[in-house]
PDB file of N, CA and C in Angstrom:
ATOM      1  N   MET A   1       0.776  -1.027   0.297  1.00  0.00           N
ATOM      2  CA  MET A   1      -0.097   0.081   0.210  1.00  0.00           C
ATOM      3  C   MET A   1       1.251   1.241  -0.315  1.00  0.00           C
ATOM      4  N   THR A   2       1.745   0.708   0.867  1.00  0.00           N
ATOM      5  CA  THR A   2       2.282   2.482   0.716  1.00  0.00           C
ATOM      6  C   THR A   2       3.790   2.567  -0.407  1.00  0.00           C
ATOM      7  N   THR A   3       4.070   1.480  -1.136  1.00  0.00           N
ATOM      8  CA  THR A   3       4.982   1.501  -2.003  1.00  0.00           C
ATOM      9  C   THR A   3       3.889   1.807  -2.963  1.00  0.00           C
ATOM     10  N   THR A   4       2.401   1.835  -3.077  1.00  0.00           N
ATOM     11  CA  THR A   4       1.556   2.167  -4.123  1.00  0.00           C
ATOM     12  C   THR A   4       1.784   3.670  -4.549  1.00  0.00           C
ATOM     13  N   ARG A   5       1.473   4.549  -3.090  1.00  0.00           N
ATOM     14  CA  ARG A   5       1.298   5.835  -2.451  1.00  0.00           C
ATOM     15  C   ARG A   5       2.378   6.844  -3.268  1.00  0.00           C
ATOM     16  N   LEU A   6       3.617   6.189  -2.576  1.00  0.00           N
ATOM     17  CA  LEU A   6       4.753   6.492  -3.452  1.00  0.00           C
ATOM     18  C   LEU A   6       4.665   6.596  -4.889  1.00  0.00           C
ATOM     19  N   LEU A   7       4.443   5.307  -5.493  1.00  0.00           N
ATOM     20  CA  LEU A   7       4.702   5.818  -6.967  1.00  0.00           C
ATOM     21  C   LEU A   7       3.809   6.880  -7.717  1.00  0.00           C
ATOM     22  N   LEU A   8       2.335   7.010  -7.303  1.00  0.00           N
ATOM     23  CA  LEU A   8       1.268   8.065  -7.262  1.00  0.00           C
ATOM     24  C   LEU A   8       1.938   8.754  -6.824  1.00  0.00           C
ATOM     25  N   ALA A   9       2.193   9.492  -5.739  1.00  0.00           N
ATOM     26  CA  ALA A   9       2.501  10.828  -5.046  1.00  0.00           C
ATOM     27  C   ALA A   9       3.973  11.198  -6.224  1.00  0.00           C
ATOM     28  N   SER A  10       4.529  10.050  -6.683  1.00  0.00           N
ATOM     29  CA  SER A  10       6.242  10.061  -7.817  1.00  0.00           C
ATOM     30  C   SER A  10       5.558  11.029  -8.943  1.00  0.00           C
ATOM     31  N   ALA A  11       4.352   9.768 -10.094  1.00  0.00           N
ATOM     32  CA  ALA A  11       3.801  10.075 -10.927  1.00  0.00           C
ATOM     33  C   ALA A  11       2.904  11.622 -11.226  1.00  0.00           C
ATOM     34  N   ILE A  12       1.858  11.943 -10.134  1.00  0.00           N
ATOM     35  CA  ILE A  12       1.244  13.278 -10.136  1.00  0.00           C
ATOM     36  C   ILE A  12       2.236  14.609 -10.979  1.00  0.00           C
ATOM     37  N   PRO A  13       3.084  14.865 -10.372  1.00  0.00           N
ATOM     38  CA  PRO A  13       3.888  15.969 -10.932  1.00  0.00           C
ATOM     39  C   PRO A  13       4.531  15.975 -12.597  1.00  0.00           C
ATOM     40  N   VAL A  14       4.687  14.769 -12.497  1.00  0.00           N
ATOM     41  CA  VAL A  14       5.342  14.307 -13.492  1.00  0.00           C
ATOM     42  C   VAL A  14       4.095  14.453 -14.585  1.00  0.00           C
ATOM     43  N   LEU A  15       3.055  13.955 -14.186  1.00  0.00           N
ATOM     44  CA  LEU A  15       1.397  14.284 -15.507  1.00  0.00           C
ATOM     45  C   LEU A  15       1.411  15.864 -15.181  1.00  0.00           C
ATOM     46  N   LEU A  16       1.350  16.651 -14.325  1.00  0.00           N
ATOM     47  CA  LEU A  16       0.737  17.495 -14.311  1.00  0.00           C
ATOM     48  C   LEU A  16       1.977  18.396 -14.690  1.00  0.00           C
ATOM     49  N   ARG A  17       2.981  18.400 -14.735  1.00  0.00           N
ATOM     50  CA  ARG A  17       3.653  19.800 -15.821  1.00  0.00           C
ATOM     51  C   ARG A  17       3.503  20.223 -16.349  1.00  0.00           C
ATOM     52  N   ALA A  18       3.806  21.413 -16.570  1.00  0.00           N
ATOM     53  CA  ALA A  18       4.015  22.686 -17.888  1.00  0.00           C
ATOM     54  C   ALA A  18       4.078  21.941 -18.978  1.00  0.00           C
ATOM     55  N   THR A  19       3.700  22.126 -20.251  1.00  0.00           N
ATOM     56  CA  THR A  19       4.820  21.824 -21.274  1.00  0.00           C
ATOM     57  C   THR A  19       3.758  22.788 -22.068  1.00  0.00           C
ATOM     58  N   PRO A  20       5.213  22.973 -23.401  1.00  0.00           N
ATOM     59  CA  PRO A  20       4.688  23.776 -24.173  1.00  0.00           C
ATOM     60  C   PRO A  20       3.121  23.143 -25.149  1.00  0.00           C
ATOM     61  N   ALA A  21       2.680  24.036 -25.664  1.00  0.00           N
ATOM     62  CA  ALA A  21       1.944  23.367 -26.526  1.00  0.00           C
ATOM     63  C   ALA A  21       2.247  23.085 -27.898  1.00  0.00           C
ATOM     64  N   ARG A  22       1.425  21.927 -28.302  1.00  0.00           N
ATOM     65  CA  ARG A  22       1.630  21.123 -29.273  1.00  0.00           C
ATOM     66  C   ARG A  22       1.465  21.673 -30.238  1.00  0.00           C
ATOM     67  N   ALA A  23       0.724  22.800 -30.507  1.00  0.00           N
ATOM     68  CA  ALA A  23      -0.005  23.428 -32.103  1.00  0.00           C
ATOM     69  C   ALA A  23      -0.455  24.735 -32.135  1.00  0.00           C
ATOM     70  N   ASP A  24      -0.097  25.347 -32.804  1.00  0.00           N
ATOM     71  CA  ASP A  24      -0.621  27.262 -32.025  1.00  0.00           C
ATOM     72  C   ASP A  24      -1.906  27.132 -33.375  1.00  0.00           C
ATOM     73  N   HIS A  25      -3.169  26.940 -32.872  1.00  0.00           N
ATOM     74  CA  HIS A  25      -4.496  27.602 -33.618  1.00  0.00           C
ATOM     75  C   HIS A  25      -4.347  28.316 -33.951  1.00  0.00           C
ATOM     76  N   GLY A  26      -3.945  29.565 -33.635  1.00  0.00           N
ATOM     77  CA  GLY A  26      -4.313  31.232 -34.145  1.00  0.00           C
ATOM     78  C   GLY A  26      -5.578  31.293 -33.695  1.00  0.00           C
ATOM     79  N   GLY A  27      -6.440  32.493 -33.728  1.00  0.00           N
ATOM     80  CA  GLY A  27      -7.785  32.359 -34.203  1.00  0.00           C
ATOM     81  C   GLY A  27      -7.452  34.746 -33.446  1.00  0.00           C
ATOM     82  N   PRO A  28      -8.779  34.794 -33.113  1.00  0.00           N
ATOM     83  CA  PRO A  28      -7.746  36.088 -33.172  1.00  0.00           C
ATOM     84  C   PRO A  28      -7.027  37.177 -32.268  1.00  0.00           C
ATOM     85  N   LEU A  29      -6.724  35.929 -31.520  1.00  0.00           N
ATOM     86  CA  LEU A  29      -5.800  36.490 -30.291  1.00  0.00           C
ATOM     87  C   LEU A  29      -4.111  36.207 -30.646  1.00  0.00           C
ATOM     88  N   ALA A  30      -4.391  35.500 -31.884  1.00  0.00           N
ATOM     89  CA  ALA A  30      -2.734  35.102 -32.296  1.00  0.00           C
ATOM     90  C   ALA A  30      -2.094  36.344 -32.293  1.00  0.00           C
ATOM     91  N   SER A  31      -2.252  37.056 -32.802  1.00  0.00           N
ATOM     92  CA  SER A  31      -1.594  38.768 -32.989  1.00  0.00           C
ATOM     93  C   SER A  31      -2.566  39.407 -32.708  1.00  0.00           C
ATOM     94  N   ALA A  32      -2.097  40.053 -31.718  1.00  0.00           N
ATOM     95  CA  ALA A  32      -2.785  41.149 -31.204  1.00  0.00           C
ATOM     96  C   ALA A  32      -2.539  42.072 -32.208  1.00  0.00           C
ATOM     97  N   PRO A  33      -3.360  42.395 -32.458  1.00  0.00           N
ATOM     98  CA  PRO A  33      -3.163  44.206 -33.128  1.00  0.00           C
ATOM     99  C   PRO A  33      -3.032  45.369 -32.546  1.00  0.00           C
ATOM    100  N   LEU A  34      -3.412  45.382 -30.862  1.00  0.00           N
ATOM    101  CA  LEU A  34      -3.267  46.427 -30.175  1.00  0.00           C
ATOM    102  C   LEU A  34      -2.273  46.065 -29.103  1.00  0.00           C
ATOM    103  N   SER A  35      -1.950  47.109 -28.792  1.00  0.00           N
ATOM    104  CA  SER A  35      -0.533  47.412 -27.341  1.00  0.00           C
ATOM    105  C   SER A  35      -1.361  46.794 -26.453  1.00  0.00           C
ATOM    106  N   ALA A  36      -0.609  46.625 -25.581  1.00  0.00           N
ATOM    107  CA  ALA A  36      -1.044  46.169 -24.098  1.00  0.00           C
ATOM    108  C   ALA A  36      -1.632  47.859 -23.687  1.00  0.00           C
ATOM    109  N   LEU A  37      -1.183  48.562 -23.607  1.00  0.00           N
ATOM    110  CA  LEU A  37      -1.842  50.342 -23.622  1.00  0.00           C
ATOM    111  C   LEU A  37      -3.182  50.425 -23.690  1.00  0.00           C
ATOM    112  N   ALA A  38      -3.173  50.061 -24.784  1.00  0.00           N
ATOM    113  CA  ALA A  38      -4.300  50.240 -25.810  1.00  0.00           C
ATOM    114  C   ALA A  38      -6.093  49.178 -24.941  1.00  0.00           C
ATOM    115  N   THR A  39      -5.341  48.196 -25.005  1.00  0.00           N
ATOM    116  CA  THR A  39      -6.164  46.902 -24.180  1.00  0.00           C
ATOM    117  C   THR A  39      -6.378  47.645 -23.086  1.00  0.00           C
ATOM    118  N   ALA A  40      -5.722  48.036 -22.823  1.00  0.00           N
ATOM    119  CA  ALA A  40      -5.964  48.461 -20.999  1.00  0.00           C
ATOM    120  C   ALA A  40      -6.579  49.185 -21.190  1.00  0.00           C
ATOM    121  N   LEU A  41      -6.924  51.145 -21.892  1.00  0.00           N
ATOM    122  CA  LEU A  41      -7.705  51.580 -21.924  1.00  0.00           C
ATOM    123  C   LEU A  41      -9.245  51.491 -22.155  1.00  0.00           C
ATOM    124  N   ILE A  42      -8.810  50.571 -23.335  1.00  0.00           N
ATOM    125  CA  ILE A  42     -10.278  50.211 -23.711  1.00  0.00           C
ATOM    126  C   ILE A  42     -11.127  48.964 -22.317  1.00  0.00           C
ATOM    127  N   ALA A  43     -10.171  48.251 -22.103  1.00  0.00           N
ATOM    128  CA  ALA A  43     -10.769  47.539 -21.068  1.00  0.00           C
ATOM    129  C   ALA A  43     -11.553  48.144 -19.919  1.00  0.00           C
ATOM    130  N   GLY A  44     -10.537  49.849 -19.031  1.00  0.00           N
ATOM    131  CA  GLY A  44     -10.788  50.122 -18.479  1.00  0.00           C
ATOM    132  C   GLY A  44     -12.095  51.140 -18.871  1.00  0.00           C
ATOM    133  N   GLY A  45     -12.330  51.512 -19.708  1.00  0.00           N
ATOM    134  CA  GLY A  45     -12.912  52.638 -20.243  1.00  0.00           C
ATOM    135  C   GLY A  45     -14.551  51.852 -20.343  1.00  0.00           C
ATOM    136  N   LEU A  46     -14.623  50.331 -20.810  1.00  0.00           N
ATOM    137  CA  LEU A  46     -15.633  49.573 -20.694  1.00  0.00           C
ATOM    138  C   LEU A  46     -16.193  48.687 -19.282  1.00  0.00           C
ATOM    139  N   ALA A  47     -15.203  49.247 -18.331  1.00  0.00           N
ATOM    140  CA  ALA A  47     -15.695  48.622 -17.034  1.00  0.00           C
ATOM    141  C   ALA A  47     -15.896  50.283 -16.701  1.00  0.00           C
ATOM    142  N   PHE A  48     -15.676  51.525 -16.906  1.00  0.00           N
ATOM    143  CA  PHE A  48     -16.295  52.703 -16.267  1.00  0.00           C
ATOM    144  C   PHE A  48     -17.902  52.824 -16.412  1.00  0.00           C
ATOM    145  N   VAL A  49     -17.657  52.527 -17.897  1.00  0.00           N
ATOM    146  CA  VAL A  49     -19.405  52.501 -18.272  1.00  0.00           C
ATOM    147  C   VAL A  49     -19.945  51.598 -18.248  1.00  0.00           C
ATOM    148  N   ALA A  50     -19.558  50.334 -18.014  1.00  0.00           N
ATOM    149  CA  ALA A  50     -21.316  49.487 -17.158  1.00  0.00           C
ATOM    150  C   ALA A  50     -21.089  49.690 -15.687  1.00  0.00           C
ATOM    151  N   VAL A  51     -19.901  50.536 -14.918  1.00  0.00           N
ATOM    152  CA  VAL A  51     -20.804  51.145 -13.553  1.00  0.00           C
ATOM    153  C   VAL A  51     -21.236  51.973 -14.008  1.00  0.00           C
ATOM    154  N   LEU A  52     -21.499  52.939 -14.690  1.00  0.00           N
ATOM    155  CA  LEU A  52     -21.744  53.800 -14.734  1.00  0.00           C
ATOM    156  C   LEU A  52     -23.601  54.102 -15.058  1.00  0.00           C
ATOM    157  N   LEU A  53     -23.337  52.348 -15.646  1.00  0.00           N
ATOM    158  CA  LEU A  53     -25.025  52.162 -15.908  1.00  0.00           C
ATOM    159  C   LEU A  53     -25.858  51.178 -15.202  1.00  0.00           C
ATOM    160  N   LEU A  54     -24.442  50.699 -14.785  1.00  0.00           N
ATOM    161  CA  LEU A  54     -25.439  49.946 -13.216  1.00  0.00           C
ATOM    162  C   LEU A  54     -25.312  51.394 -12.407  1.00  0.00           C
ATOM    163  N   ALA A  55     -24.797  52.328 -12.079  1.00  0.00           N
ATOM    164  CA  ALA A  55     -25.874  53.319 -11.107  1.00  0.00           C
ATOM    165  C   ALA A  55     -26.826  53.833 -11.477  1.00  0.00           C
ATOM    166  N   LEU A  56     -26.984  53.971 -12.881  1.00  0.00           N
ATOM    167  CA  LEU A  56     -28.462  54.143 -14.000  1.00  0.00           C
ATOM    168  C   LEU A  56     -29.187  53.355 -13.425  1.00  0.00           C
ATOM    169  N   VAL A  57     -29.535  52.564 -13.070  1.00  0.00           N
ATOM    170  CA  VAL A  57     -30.191  51.303 -13.852  1.00  0.00           C
ATOM    171  C   VAL A  57     -30.930  50.851 -12.094  1.00  0.00           C
ATOM    172  N   TRP A  58     -29.686  51.037 -11.385  1.00  0.00           N
ATOM    173  CA  TRP A  58     -29.970  51.164  -9.629  1.00  0.00           C
ATOM    174  C   TRP A  58     -30.763  52.396  -9.268  1.00  0.00           C
ATOM    175  N   ARG A  59     -30.136  54.013  -9.706  1.00  0.00           N
ATOM    176  CA  ARG A  59     -31.115  54.606  -8.928  1.00  0.00           C
ATOM    177  C   ARG A  59     -32.866  54.746 -10.136  1.00  0.00           C
ATOM    178  N   LEU A  60     -32.843  54.440 -11.430  1.00  0.00           N
ATOM    179  CA  LEU A  60     -34.476  53.761 -11.579  1.00  0.00           C
ATOM    180  C   LEU A  60     -35.252  52.869 -11.010  1.00  0.00           C
ATOM    181  N   MET A  61     -34.357  52.107 -10.456  1.00  0.00           N
ATOM    182  CA  MET A  61     -35.476  50.614  -9.946  1.00  0.00           C
ATOM    183  C   MET A  61     -35.516  51.278  -8.395  1.00  0.00           C
ATOM    184  N   THR A  62     -34.564  51.543  -7.394  1.00  0.00           N
ATOM    185  CA  THR A  62     -34.673  52.447  -6.201  1.00  0.00           C
ATOM    186  C   THR A  62     -35.697  53.940  -6.167  1.00  0.00           C
ATOM    187  N   GLY A  63     -35.854  54.117  -7.157  1.00  0.00           N
ATOM    188  CA  GLY A  63     -36.316  55.965  -7.274  1.00  0.00           C
ATOM    189  C   GLY A  63     -35.338  56.701  -6.893  1.00  0.00           C
ATOM    190  N   SER A  64     -36.002  58.064  -6.889  1.00  0.00           N
ATOM    191  CA  SER A  64     -35.164  59.174  -6.416  1.00  0.00           C
ATOM    192  C   SER A  64     -34.308  59.353  -4.955  1.00  0.00           C
ATOM    193  N   GLY A  65     -34.919  58.596  -4.138  1.00  0.00           N
ATOM    194  CA  GLY A  65     -34.477  58.442  -3.371  1.00  0.00           C
ATOM    195  C   GLY A  65     -34.372  59.891  -2.005  1.00  0.00           C
ATOM    196  N   ARG A  66     -35.532  60.493  -2.348  1.00  0.00           N
ATOM    197  CA  ARG A  66     -35.554  61.780  -1.631  1.00  0.00           C
ATOM    198  C   ARG A  66     -37.250  61.437  -1.389  1.00  0.00           C
ATOM    199  N   ASP A  67     -37.311  61.948  -0.393  1.00  0.00           N
ATOM    200  CA  ASP A  67     -38.730  61.796   0.290  1.00  0.00           C
ATOM    201  C   ASP A  67     -39.778  63.170  -0.259  1.00  0.00           C
ATOM    202  N   PRO A  68     -40.567  63.457  -0.317  1.00  0.00           N
ATOM    203  CA  PRO A  68     -41.839  64.836  -0.112  1.00  0.00           C
ATOM    204  C   PRO A  68     -41.757  64.944   0.864  1.00  0.00           C
ATOM    205  N   GLU A  69     -41.906  66.248   1.117  1.00  0.00           N
ATOM    206  CA  GLU A  69     -42.476  66.605   3.304  1.00  0.00           C
ATOM    207  C   GLU A  69     -43.378  67.488   2.151  1.00  0.00           C
TER     208      GLU A  69
END
């Protein structure tokens, strides 16, 4: 039983080691047409717009938040 566990414990790192990909399948991200800075700016802008839309929806769903007196 101990020998089997030792064998399995030594085989797991060999099976899980990082290996390079056997083929490059290309696709839209194979050669990125944008620089890293442009990609980061676009992602940040989209996140900002998403937060603005979320705030707008939240405000519309909860009302104005003011109690008329």
